[in-house]
Amino acid sequence: MRRDHWGQGLATEAARAWRDYGFARLPVDHIISLIRPENLPSRRVAEKNGMTIWKEVIRKGIPHLVYKIQRGQTGRE
């Protein structure tokens, strides 16, 4: 996303739409998001969409937080 569009809630809306699409159309019981710990804006987007930190992993030698939300936690199912 271009920087001049940051801070308008667009990432939060897009993430929410993908979350809702995933639960509505895919046979999954949870959705995850891998986010580097220092990426505070992405962490806020995940948290605004009901995700919480599930665990920490190393991916390609870089630490990541795994945010997770279970089906039924969105209030939309």
C-alpha atoms as a PDB file:
ATOM      1  CA  MET A   1       0.000   0.000   0.000  1.00  0.00           C
ATOM      2  CA  ARG A   2       1.315   3.457  -0.821  1.00  0.00           C
ATOM      3  CA  ARG A   3       2.418   5.431   2.212  1.00  0.00           C
ATOM      4  CA  ASP A   4      -0.022   8.249   1.492  1.00  0.00           C
ATOM      5  CA  HIS A   5      -2.832   5.756   2.206  1.00  0.00           C
ATOM      6  CA  TRP A   6      -1.430   4.572   5.526  1.00  0.00           C
ATOM      7  CA  GLY A   7      -3.401   5.357   8.683  1.00  0.00           C
ATOM      8  CA  GLN A   8      -6.820   5.351   7.018  1.00  0.00           C
ATOM      9  CA  GLY A   9      -7.902   1.912   8.218  1.00  0.00           C
ATOM     10  CA  LEU A  10      -7.636   0.355   4.764  1.00  0.00           C
ATOM     11  CA  ALA A  11      -5.306  -2.460   5.859  1.00  0.00           C
ATOM     12  CA  THR A  12      -7.639  -3.313   8.733  1.00  0.00           C
ATOM     13  CA  GLU A  13     -10.632  -3.430   6.380  1.00  0.00           C
ATOM     14  CA  ALA A  14      -8.758  -5.561   3.839  1.00  0.00           C
ATOM     15  CA  ALA A  15      -7.558  -7.994   6.509  1.00  0.00           C
ATOM     16  CA  ARG A  16     -11.081  -8.265   7.909  1.00  0.00           C
ATOM     17  CA  ALA A  17     -12.475  -8.991   4.437  1.00  0.00           C
ATOM     18  CA  TRP A  18      -9.927 -11.779   3.853  1.00  0.00           C
ATOM     19  CA  ARG A  19     -10.589 -13.216   7.326  1.00  0.00           C
ATOM     20  CA  ASP A  20     -14.329 -13.255   6.703  1.00  0.00           C
ATOM     21  CA  TYR A  21     -13.853 -14.712   3.216  1.00  0.00           C
ATOM     22  CA  GLY A  22     -11.635 -17.458   4.606  1.00  0.00           C
ATOM     23  CA  PHE A  23     -14.135 -18.537   7.222  1.00  0.00           C
ATOM     24  CA  ALA A  24     -17.099 -18.248   4.839  1.00  0.00           C
ATOM     25  CA  ARG A  25     -15.559 -20.072   1.877  1.00  0.00           C
ATOM     26  CA  LEU A  26     -12.812 -22.362   3.164  1.00  0.00           C
ATOM     27  CA  PRO A  27     -13.050 -25.465   5.361  1.00  0.00           C
ATOM     28  CA  VAL A  28     -10.688 -24.094   8.021  1.00  0.00           C
ATOM     29  CA  ASP A  29     -11.078 -23.815  11.776  1.00  0.00           C
ATOM     30  CA  HIS A  30      -8.522 -21.031  12.211  1.00  0.00           C
ATOM     31  CA  ILE A  31      -6.584 -18.398  10.285  1.00  0.00           C
ATOM     32  CA  ILE A  32      -3.057 -17.257  11.069  1.00  0.00           C
ATOM     33  CA  SER A  33      -0.863 -14.303  10.234  1.00  0.00           C
ATOM     34  CA  LEU A  34       2.946 -14.318  10.433  1.00  0.00           C
ATOM     35  CA  ILE A  35       4.235 -10.937  11.575  1.00  0.00           C
ATOM     36  CA  ARG A  36       7.715  -9.809  12.534  1.00  0.00           C
ATOM     37  CA  PRO A  37       7.702  -8.587  16.149  1.00  0.00           C
ATOM     38  CA  GLU A  38       8.954  -5.105  15.262  1.00  0.00           C
ATOM     39  CA  ASN A  39       6.151  -4.543  12.714  1.00  0.00           C
ATOM     40  CA  LEU A  40       3.831  -2.734  15.089  1.00  0.00           C
ATOM     41  CA  PRO A  41       1.353  -1.459  12.468  1.00  0.00           C
ATOM     42  CA  SER A  42       0.719  -5.000  11.176  1.00  0.00           C
ATOM     43  CA  ARG A  43       0.406  -6.290  14.728  1.00  0.00           C
ATOM     44  CA  ARG A  44      -2.264  -3.638  15.407  1.00  0.00           C
ATOM     45  CA  VAL A  45      -4.161  -4.652  12.258  1.00  0.00           C
ATOM     46  CA  ALA A  46      -4.163  -8.295  13.396  1.00  0.00           C
ATOM     47  CA  GLU A  47      -5.303  -7.348  16.901  1.00  0.00           C
ATOM     48  CA  LYS A  48      -8.078  -5.071  15.603  1.00  0.00           C
ATOM     49  CA  ASN A  49      -9.362  -8.090  13.691  1.00  0.00           C
ATOM     50  CA  GLY A  50      -9.530 -10.288  16.777  1.00  0.00           C
ATOM     51  CA  MET A  51      -6.246 -12.134  16.354  1.00  0.00           C
ATOM     52  CA  THR A  52      -3.989 -12.903  19.287  1.00  0.00           C
ATOM     53  CA  ILE A  53      -0.431 -14.154  19.527  1.00  0.00           C
ATOM     54  CA  TRP A  54      -0.467 -17.941  19.428  1.00  0.00           C
ATOM     55  CA  LYS A  55       3.253 -18.674  19.326  1.00  0.00           C
ATOM     56  CA  GLU A  56       6.647 -17.475  18.164  1.00  0.00           C
ATOM     57  CA  VAL A  57       8.526 -19.155  15.311  1.00  0.00           C
ATOM     58  CA  ILE A  58      11.712 -18.737  13.333  1.00  0.00           C
ATOM     59  CA  ARG A  59      11.065 -18.552   9.577  1.00  0.00           C
ATOM     60  CA  LYS A  60      14.022 -18.276   7.215  1.00  0.00           C
ATOM     61  CA  GLY A  61      16.189 -17.389  10.208  1.00  0.00           C
ATOM     62  CA  ILE A  62      13.958 -14.472  11.250  1.00  0.00           C
ATOM     63  CA  PRO A  63      11.719 -14.432  14.353  1.00  0.00           C
ATOM     64  CA  HIS A  64       7.992 -14.094  13.658  1.00  0.00           C
ATOM     65  CA  LEU A  65       4.912 -13.937  15.826  1.00  0.00           C
ATOM     66  CA  VAL A  66       2.071 -16.183  14.756  1.00  0.00           C
ATOM     67  CA  TYR A  67      -1.240 -14.448  15.287  1.00  0.00           C
ATOM     68  CA  LYS A  68      -4.307 -16.683  15.207  1.00  0.00           C
ATOM     69  CA  ILE A  69      -8.080 -16.475  15.248  1.00  0.00           C
ATOM     70  CA  GLN A  70     -10.472 -19.405  15.574  1.00  0.00           C
ATOM     71  CA  ARG A  71     -13.705 -19.792  13.665  1.00  0.00           C
ATOM     72  CA  GLY A  72     -16.483 -18.369  15.830  1.00  0.00           C
ATOM     73  CA  GLN A  73     -14.339 -15.645  17.369  1.00  0.00           C
ATOM     74  CA  THR A  74     -15.231 -12.963  14.831  1.00  0.00           C
ATOM     75  CA  GLY A  75     -18.874 -12.531  15.768  1.00  0.00           C
ATOM     76  CA  ARG A  76     -19.795 -13.061  12.098  1.00  0.00           C
ATOM     77  CA  GLU A  77     -20.145 -16.846  11.868  1.00  0.00           C
END
